[in-house]
Amino acid sequence: MTTRVATETGLTVRQVQIVELIAHGCSNVEVAAKLGISPRTAKAHCDALRQKLGVSRRRHIPAAFRALTGVDPLALAHEPAPAMSGVGG
């Protein structure tokens, strides 16, 4: 779902992931830790999202995303990592 929403909105997949984490109440430090990026990069993504979504406050990003897409950012799910099979032995 993340890729489809990103394609339809002009946001990147990473930006959609960040919207989801912001909606879950994560700080930039927490976003960075969860996505394996630096807090500064997380902040840069937030700044870009605020500009693209036309909001002045970080906390308004999830509502602006919902208004743009009709999708609740809390309902987004990170695309699962491939399962490891055949390990061991």
C-alpha atoms as a PDB file:
ATOM      1  CA  MET A   1       0.000   0.000   0.000  1.00  0.00           C
ATOM      2  CA  THR A   2       2.860   2.374   0.795  1.00  0.00           C
ATOM      3  CA  THR A   3       4.222   2.255  -2.748  1.00  0.00           C
ATOM      4  CA  ARG A   4       0.781   2.809  -4.293  1.00  0.00           C
ATOM      5  CA  VAL A   5       0.046   5.797  -2.043  1.00  0.00           C
ATOM      6  CA  ALA A   6       3.474   7.281  -2.787  1.00  0.00           C
ATOM      7  CA  THR A   7       2.966   6.924  -6.527  1.00  0.00           C
ATOM      8  CA  GLU A   8      -0.474   8.530  -6.419  1.00  0.00           C
ATOM      9  CA  THR A   9       0.564  11.498  -4.248  1.00  0.00           C
ATOM     10  CA  GLY A  10       3.962  12.437  -5.606  1.00  0.00           C
ATOM     11  CA  LEU A  11       5.552  11.639  -2.258  1.00  0.00           C
ATOM     12  CA  THR A  12       8.425   9.208  -1.999  1.00  0.00           C
ATOM     13  CA  VAL A  13       7.986   5.820  -0.355  1.00  0.00           C
ATOM     14  CA  ARG A  14      10.307   7.017   2.420  1.00  0.00           C
ATOM     15  CA  GLN A  15       8.159  10.123   2.979  1.00  0.00           C
ATOM     16  CA  VAL A  16       5.030   7.974   3.296  1.00  0.00           C
ATOM     17  CA  GLN A  17       6.844   5.797   5.838  1.00  0.00           C
ATOM     18  CA  ILE A  18       7.767   8.915   7.784  1.00  0.00           C
ATOM     19  CA  VAL A  19       4.167  10.178   7.704  1.00  0.00           C
ATOM     20  CA  GLU A  20       3.108   6.864   9.245  1.00  0.00           C
ATOM     21  CA  LEU A  21       5.709   7.093  12.009  1.00  0.00           C
ATOM     22  CA  ILE A  22       4.788  10.711  12.769  1.00  0.00           C
ATOM     23  CA  ALA A  23       1.139   9.626  12.991  1.00  0.00           C
ATOM     24  CA  HIS A  24       2.219   7.018  15.543  1.00  0.00           C
ATOM     25  CA  GLY A  25       3.808   9.789  17.611  1.00  0.00           C
ATOM     26  CA  CYS A  26       7.466   9.159  16.824  1.00  0.00           C
ATOM     27  CA  SER A  27      10.029  11.933  17.238  1.00  0.00           C
ATOM     28  CA  ASN A  28      12.689  12.557  14.586  1.00  0.00           C
ATOM     29  CA  VAL A  29      15.152  10.552  16.697  1.00  0.00           C
ATOM     30  CA  GLU A  30      12.705   7.636  16.868  1.00  0.00           C
ATOM     31  CA  VAL A  31      11.932   7.893  13.127  1.00  0.00           C
ATOM     32  CA  ALA A  32      15.669   7.804  12.432  1.00  0.00           C
ATOM     33  CA  ALA A  33      16.219   4.743  14.614  1.00  0.00           C
ATOM     34  CA  LYS A  34      13.316   2.824  13.064  1.00  0.00           C
ATOM     35  CA  LEU A  35      14.362   3.595   9.476  1.00  0.00           C
ATOM     36  CA  GLY A  36      18.135   3.395   9.878  1.00  0.00           C
ATOM     37  CA  ILE A  37      18.745   7.036   8.955  1.00  0.00           C
ATOM     38  CA  SER A  38      20.186   9.952  10.878  1.00  0.00           C
ATOM     39  CA  PRO A  39      17.949  12.262  12.932  1.00  0.00           C
ATOM     40  CA  ARG A  40      19.060  15.111  10.660  1.00  0.00           C
ATOM     41  CA  THR A  41      17.840  13.195   7.599  1.00  0.00           C
ATOM     42  CA  ALA A  42      14.555  12.452   9.366  1.00  0.00           C
ATOM     43  CA  LYS A  43      14.146  16.174  10.036  1.00  0.00           C
ATOM     44  CA  ALA A  44      14.935  16.981   6.399  1.00  0.00           C
ATOM     45  CA  HIS A  45      12.192  14.561   5.299  1.00  0.00           C
ATOM     46  CA  CYS A  46       9.764  16.225   7.738  1.00  0.00           C
ATOM     47  CA  ASP A  47      10.663  19.650   6.379  1.00  0.00           C
ATOM     48  CA  ALA A  48      10.060  18.443   2.817  1.00  0.00           C
ATOM     49  CA  LEU A  49       6.738  16.889   3.858  1.00  0.00           C
ATOM     50  CA  ARG A  50       5.594  20.109   5.539  1.00  0.00           C
ATOM     51  CA  GLN A  51       6.356  22.000   2.335  1.00  0.00           C
ATOM     52  CA  LYS A  52       4.708  19.437   0.015  1.00  0.00           C
ATOM     53  CA  LEU A  53       1.618  19.144   2.210  1.00  0.00           C
ATOM     54  CA  GLY A  54       1.363  22.880   2.849  1.00  0.00           C
ATOM     55  CA  VAL A  55       1.472  22.797   6.642  1.00  0.00           C
ATOM     56  CA  SER A  56       3.578  24.835   9.028  1.00  0.00           C
ATOM     57  CA  ARG A  57       3.739  22.371  11.938  1.00  0.00           C
ATOM     58  CA  ARG A  58       5.135  18.831  11.999  1.00  0.00           C
ATOM     59  CA  ARG A  59       2.153  17.606  13.988  1.00  0.00           C
ATOM     60  CA  HIS A  60      -0.185  18.628  11.134  1.00  0.00           C
ATOM     61  CA  ILE A  61       1.499  16.301   8.628  1.00  0.00           C
ATOM     62  CA  PRO A  62      -0.723  13.229   9.287  1.00  0.00           C
ATOM     63  CA  ALA A  63      -3.968  15.230   8.953  1.00  0.00           C
ATOM     64  CA  ALA A  64      -2.771  16.915   5.747  1.00  0.00           C
ATOM     65  CA  PHE A  65      -1.767  13.510   4.366  1.00  0.00           C
ATOM     66  CA  ARG A  66      -5.212  12.123   5.200  1.00  0.00           C
ATOM     67  CA  ALA A  67      -6.890  15.118   3.532  1.00  0.00           C
ATOM     68  CA  LEU A  68      -4.765  14.660   0.398  1.00  0.00           C
ATOM     69  CA  THR A  69      -5.077  10.889   0.053  1.00  0.00           C
ATOM     70  CA  GLY A  70      -8.159   9.839   1.978  1.00  0.00           C
ATOM     71  CA  VAL A  71      -5.907   7.265   3.661  1.00  0.00           C
ATOM     72  CA  ASP A  72      -5.455   7.161   7.423  1.00  0.00           C
ATOM     73  CA  PRO A  73      -1.678   7.153   7.992  1.00  0.00           C
ATOM     74  CA  LEU A  74      -2.200   4.928  11.029  1.00  0.00           C
ATOM     75  CA  ALA A  75      -3.612   2.280   8.680  1.00  0.00           C
ATOM     76  CA  LEU A  76      -0.473   2.181   6.552  1.00  0.00           C
ATOM     77  CA  ALA A  77       1.792  -0.766   7.117  1.00  0.00           C
ATOM     78  CA  HIS A  78       5.459  -0.952   6.344  1.00  0.00           C
ATOM     79  CA  GLU A  79       6.076  -3.345   3.520  1.00  0.00           C
ATOM     80  CA  PRO A  80       7.269  -6.555   5.152  1.00  0.00           C
ATOM     81  CA  ALA A  81      10.854  -7.681   4.902  1.00  0.00           C
ATOM     82  CA  PRO A  82      11.368 -10.918   3.006  1.00  0.00           C
ATOM     83  CA  ALA A  83      11.126 -13.994   5.218  1.00  0.00           C
ATOM     84  CA  MET A  84      14.288 -15.958   5.733  1.00  0.00           C
ATOM     85  CA  SER A  85      13.785 -19.594   4.883  1.00  0.00           C
ATOM     86  CA  GLY A  86      16.078 -22.513   4.550  1.00  0.00           C
ATOM     87  CA  VAL A  87      18.459 -21.118   7.163  1.00  0.00           C
ATOM     88  CA  GLY A  88      20.253 -23.576   9.370  1.00  0.00           C
ATOM     89  CA  GLY A  89      21.404 -26.986   9.009  1.00  0.00           C
END
